[in-house]
Amino acid sequence: MPRPPYDPPTETDIAKVSEYLGRQARGVVGIAARTASGDPVVVATAPRLESGEPFPTFYYLCHPDAVAAASRLEAAGFMDELNELLASDEELRAHYQRAHEAFITDRETVGEVPEIAGISAGGMPVRVKCLHALIGHALAAGPGVNPIGDIALAKSDFASVAMS
């Protein structure tokens, strides 16, 4: 998996992501994960948007099928199961802490924003709050970096999509 900094997104990438989102994509600094056919799945987003707003979610899940898969897991209550697992497994908590640190390190390759220093996404490092962010991180960083993102991705019906 490529790691940041990413190659700048193309105009085609921005158009596709904007189409996915139903609005103009903001702050995209690269495509962190793609399908095998080259469609963006996860964008890397500047930690400070052009408006000046801090944006901690460096890895943003954007592909509609991936977003829908994460939403289905959340609606089914899978986050509760993951929070229970996290609470009961010391080794998993330590690995999740390292995922939090890796996320921040990746984001800081693009820029440091004091307002979000030490903040990652998805509830890391102490809880599971947003599977979209955690699956996005897992897809961008590759297997073994974000254990909760990996578990959620494997449980999702998006896991079978071929990635490049």
Protein backbone atom coordinates (compact mmCIF):
# COMPACT_ATOMS: atom_id res chain seq x y z
CA MET A 1 0.00 0.00 0.00
CA PRO A 2 1.29 3.45 -0.81
CA ARG A 3 1.79 5.68 2.22
CA PRO A 4 1.60 9.46 2.39
CA PRO A 5 2.39 11.76 0.90
CA TYR A 6 0.23 10.62 -1.99
CA ASP A 7 0.44 11.71 -5.58
CA PRO A 8 -1.89 14.68 -6.14
CA PRO A 9 -5.40 13.65 -7.25
CA THR A 10 -6.25 14.10 -10.91
CA GLU A 11 -9.17 16.18 -12.15
CA THR A 12 -10.91 12.89 -12.94
CA ASP A 13 -10.37 11.73 -9.34
CA ILE A 14 -11.87 14.94 -7.94
CA ALA A 15 -14.83 14.73 -10.33
CA LYS A 16 -15.50 11.11 -9.34
CA VAL A 17 -15.23 11.80 -5.61
CA SER A 18 -17.47 14.87 -5.98
CA GLU A 19 -20.00 12.71 -7.81
CA TYR A 20 -19.87 10.15 -4.99
CA LEU A 21 -20.38 12.82 -2.35
CA GLY A 22 -23.03 14.79 -4.21
CA ARG A 23 -21.00 17.95 -3.58
CA GLN A 24 -17.62 19.36 -4.47
CA ALA A 25 -14.83 17.36 -2.82
CA ARG A 26 -12.82 19.51 -0.42
CA GLY A 27 -9.22 19.32 0.64
CA VAL A 28 -8.34 16.12 -1.22
CA VAL A 29 -4.56 15.71 -1.26
CA GLY A 30 -4.47 12.20 -2.69
CA ILE A 31 -6.28 8.95 -3.29
CA ALA A 32 -5.32 6.59 -0.47
CA ALA A 33 -7.13 3.49 -1.79
CA ARG A 34 -8.66 2.52 -5.12
CA THR A 35 -10.65 -0.35 -6.56
CA ALA A 36 -8.81 -2.60 -9.01
CA SER A 37 -10.46 -0.60 -11.81
CA GLY A 38 -8.94 2.60 -10.40
CA ASP A 39 -12.00 4.20 -8.79
CA PRO A 40 -11.28 6.15 -5.59
CA VAL A 41 -12.40 4.41 -2.41
CA VAL A 42 -10.58 6.45 0.24
CA VAL A 43 -9.31 10.00 -0.10
CA ALA A 44 -6.56 11.56 1.96
CA THR A 45 -7.79 14.96 3.07
CA ALA A 46 -5.80 17.98 4.21
CA PRO A 47 -5.91 18.42 7.98
CA ARG A 48 -6.95 22.02 7.41
CA LEU A 49 -9.50 22.76 4.69
CA GLU A 50 -9.22 25.81 2.44
CA SER A 51 -11.88 27.48 4.60
CA GLY A 52 -9.47 27.25 7.55
CA GLU A 53 -11.54 24.58 9.27
CA PRO A 54 -9.53 21.80 10.97
CA PHE A 55 -10.39 18.41 9.48
CA PRO A 56 -9.09 15.48 11.56
CA THR A 57 -10.43 12.68 9.32
CA PHE A 58 -7.38 12.28 7.10
CA TYR A 59 -8.65 9.03 5.56
CA TYR A 60 -12.17 9.63 4.28
CA LEU A 61 -14.18 6.71 2.95
CA CYS A 62 -15.90 7.98 -0.20
CA HIS A 63 -16.86 5.09 -2.51
CA PRO A 64 -20.66 4.71 -2.30
CA ASP A 65 -20.54 0.92 -1.95
CA ALA A 66 -17.97 1.13 0.85
CA VAL A 67 -19.94 3.87 2.62
CA ALA A 68 -23.13 1.81 2.37
CA ALA A 69 -21.35 -1.29 3.70
CA ALA A 70 -20.05 0.64 6.74
CA SER A 71 -23.50 2.14 7.30
CA ARG A 72 -25.12 -1.30 7.27
CA LEU A 73 -22.69 -2.53 9.93
CA GLU A 74 -23.34 0.51 12.09
CA ALA A 75 -27.12 0.14 11.71
CA ALA A 76 -26.83 -3.52 12.74
CA GLY A 77 -25.11 -2.51 15.98
CA PHE A 78 -21.72 -3.96 15.09
CA MET A 79 -19.96 -1.06 16.85
CA ASP A 80 -21.31 -2.32 20.20
CA GLU A 81 -19.76 -5.72 19.54
CA LEU A 82 -16.45 -4.12 18.62
CA ASN A 83 -16.49 -1.89 21.71
CA GLU A 84 -17.06 -4.96 23.89
CA LEU A 85 -14.20 -6.75 22.16
CA LEU A 86 -11.96 -3.72 22.62
CA ALA A 87 -12.84 -3.51 26.33
CA SER A 88 -12.06 -7.18 26.92
CA ASP A 89 -8.85 -7.62 24.91
CA GLU A 90 -5.72 -5.86 26.16
CA GLU A 91 -3.65 -6.84 23.12
CA LEU A 92 -6.31 -5.46 20.77
CA ARG A 93 -6.38 -2.19 22.76
CA ALA A 94 -2.60 -1.86 22.41
CA HIS A 95 -2.81 -2.53 18.65
CA TYR A 96 -5.65 0.00 18.33
CA GLN A 97 -3.49 2.57 20.16
CA ARG A 98 -0.74 1.97 17.59
CA ALA A 99 -3.31 2.43 14.80
CA HIS A 100 -4.27 5.79 16.32
CA GLU A 101 -0.60 6.82 16.38
CA ALA A 102 -0.06 5.65 12.79
CA PHE A 103 -3.11 7.63 11.63
CA ILE A 104 -1.76 10.82 13.22
CA THR A 105 1.72 10.21 11.81
CA ASP A 106 0.25 9.79 8.32
CA ARG A 107 -1.82 12.97 8.63
CA GLU A 108 1.14 14.97 9.89
CA THR A 109 3.04 14.18 6.66
CA VAL A 110 0.58 16.57 5.02
CA GLY A 111 0.40 19.19 7.76
CA GLU A 112 0.14 19.79 11.45
CA VAL A 113 -2.90 21.56 12.88
CA PRO A 114 -2.62 22.43 16.59
CA GLU A 115 -6.39 22.29 17.12
CA ILE A 116 -6.47 18.59 16.26
CA ALA A 117 -3.08 17.51 17.62
CA GLY A 118 -3.39 14.05 19.14
CA ILE A 119 -6.86 13.50 17.68
CA SER A 120 -7.35 10.81 15.06
CA ALA A 121 -10.73 9.50 13.89
CA GLY A 122 -13.37 6.87 14.41
CA GLY A 123 -13.08 6.89 18.21
CA MET A 124 -9.44 5.82 18.28
CA PRO A 125 -7.73 5.02 20.53
CA VAL A 126 -10.31 4.23 23.23
CA ARG A 127 -13.60 3.35 21.53
CA VAL A 128 -15.28 2.51 18.26
CA LYS A 129 -17.30 5.51 17.13
CA CYS A 130 -17.32 5.52 13.30
CA LEU A 131 -16.78 2.47 11.13
CA HIS A 132 -16.54 4.66 8.03
CA ALA A 133 -13.35 6.24 9.38
CA LEU A 134 -11.90 2.96 10.64
CA ILE A 135 -12.60 1.06 7.42
CA GLY A 136 -11.15 3.99 5.48
CA HIS A 137 -7.98 3.82 7.56
CA ALA A 138 -7.77 0.04 7.13
CA LEU A 139 -8.14 0.29 3.36
CA ALA A 140 -5.60 3.10 3.07
CA ALA A 141 -2.97 1.71 5.42
CA GLY A 142 -3.38 -1.94 4.44
CA PRO A 143 -4.01 -5.05 6.51
CA GLY A 144 -2.56 -5.21 10.00
CA VAL A 145 -2.42 -1.49 10.77
CA ASN A 146 -5.92 -0.85 12.15
CA PRO A 147 -7.27 -4.01 13.78
CA ILE A 148 -10.79 -2.71 14.32
CA GLY A 149 -10.93 -1.38 10.75
CA ASP A 150 -9.69 -4.77 9.52
CA ILE A 151 -12.37 -6.63 11.49
CA ALA A 152 -15.12 -4.30 10.26
CA LEU A 153 -13.90 -4.52 6.66
CA ALA A 154 -13.83 -8.32 6.82
CA LYS A 155 -17.37 -8.37 8.22
CA SER A 156 -18.64 -5.93 5.56
CA ASP A 157 -19.95 -6.89 2.18
CA PHE A 158 -17.42 -4.47 0.67
CA ALA A 159 -14.50 -6.68 1.70
CA SER A 160 -14.82 -8.74 -1.47
CA VAL A 161 -14.25 -5.78 -3.83
CA ALA A 162 -10.90 -6.04 -5.56
CA MET A 163 -8.55 -3.29 -4.47
CA SER A 164 -5.39 -2.07 -6.12
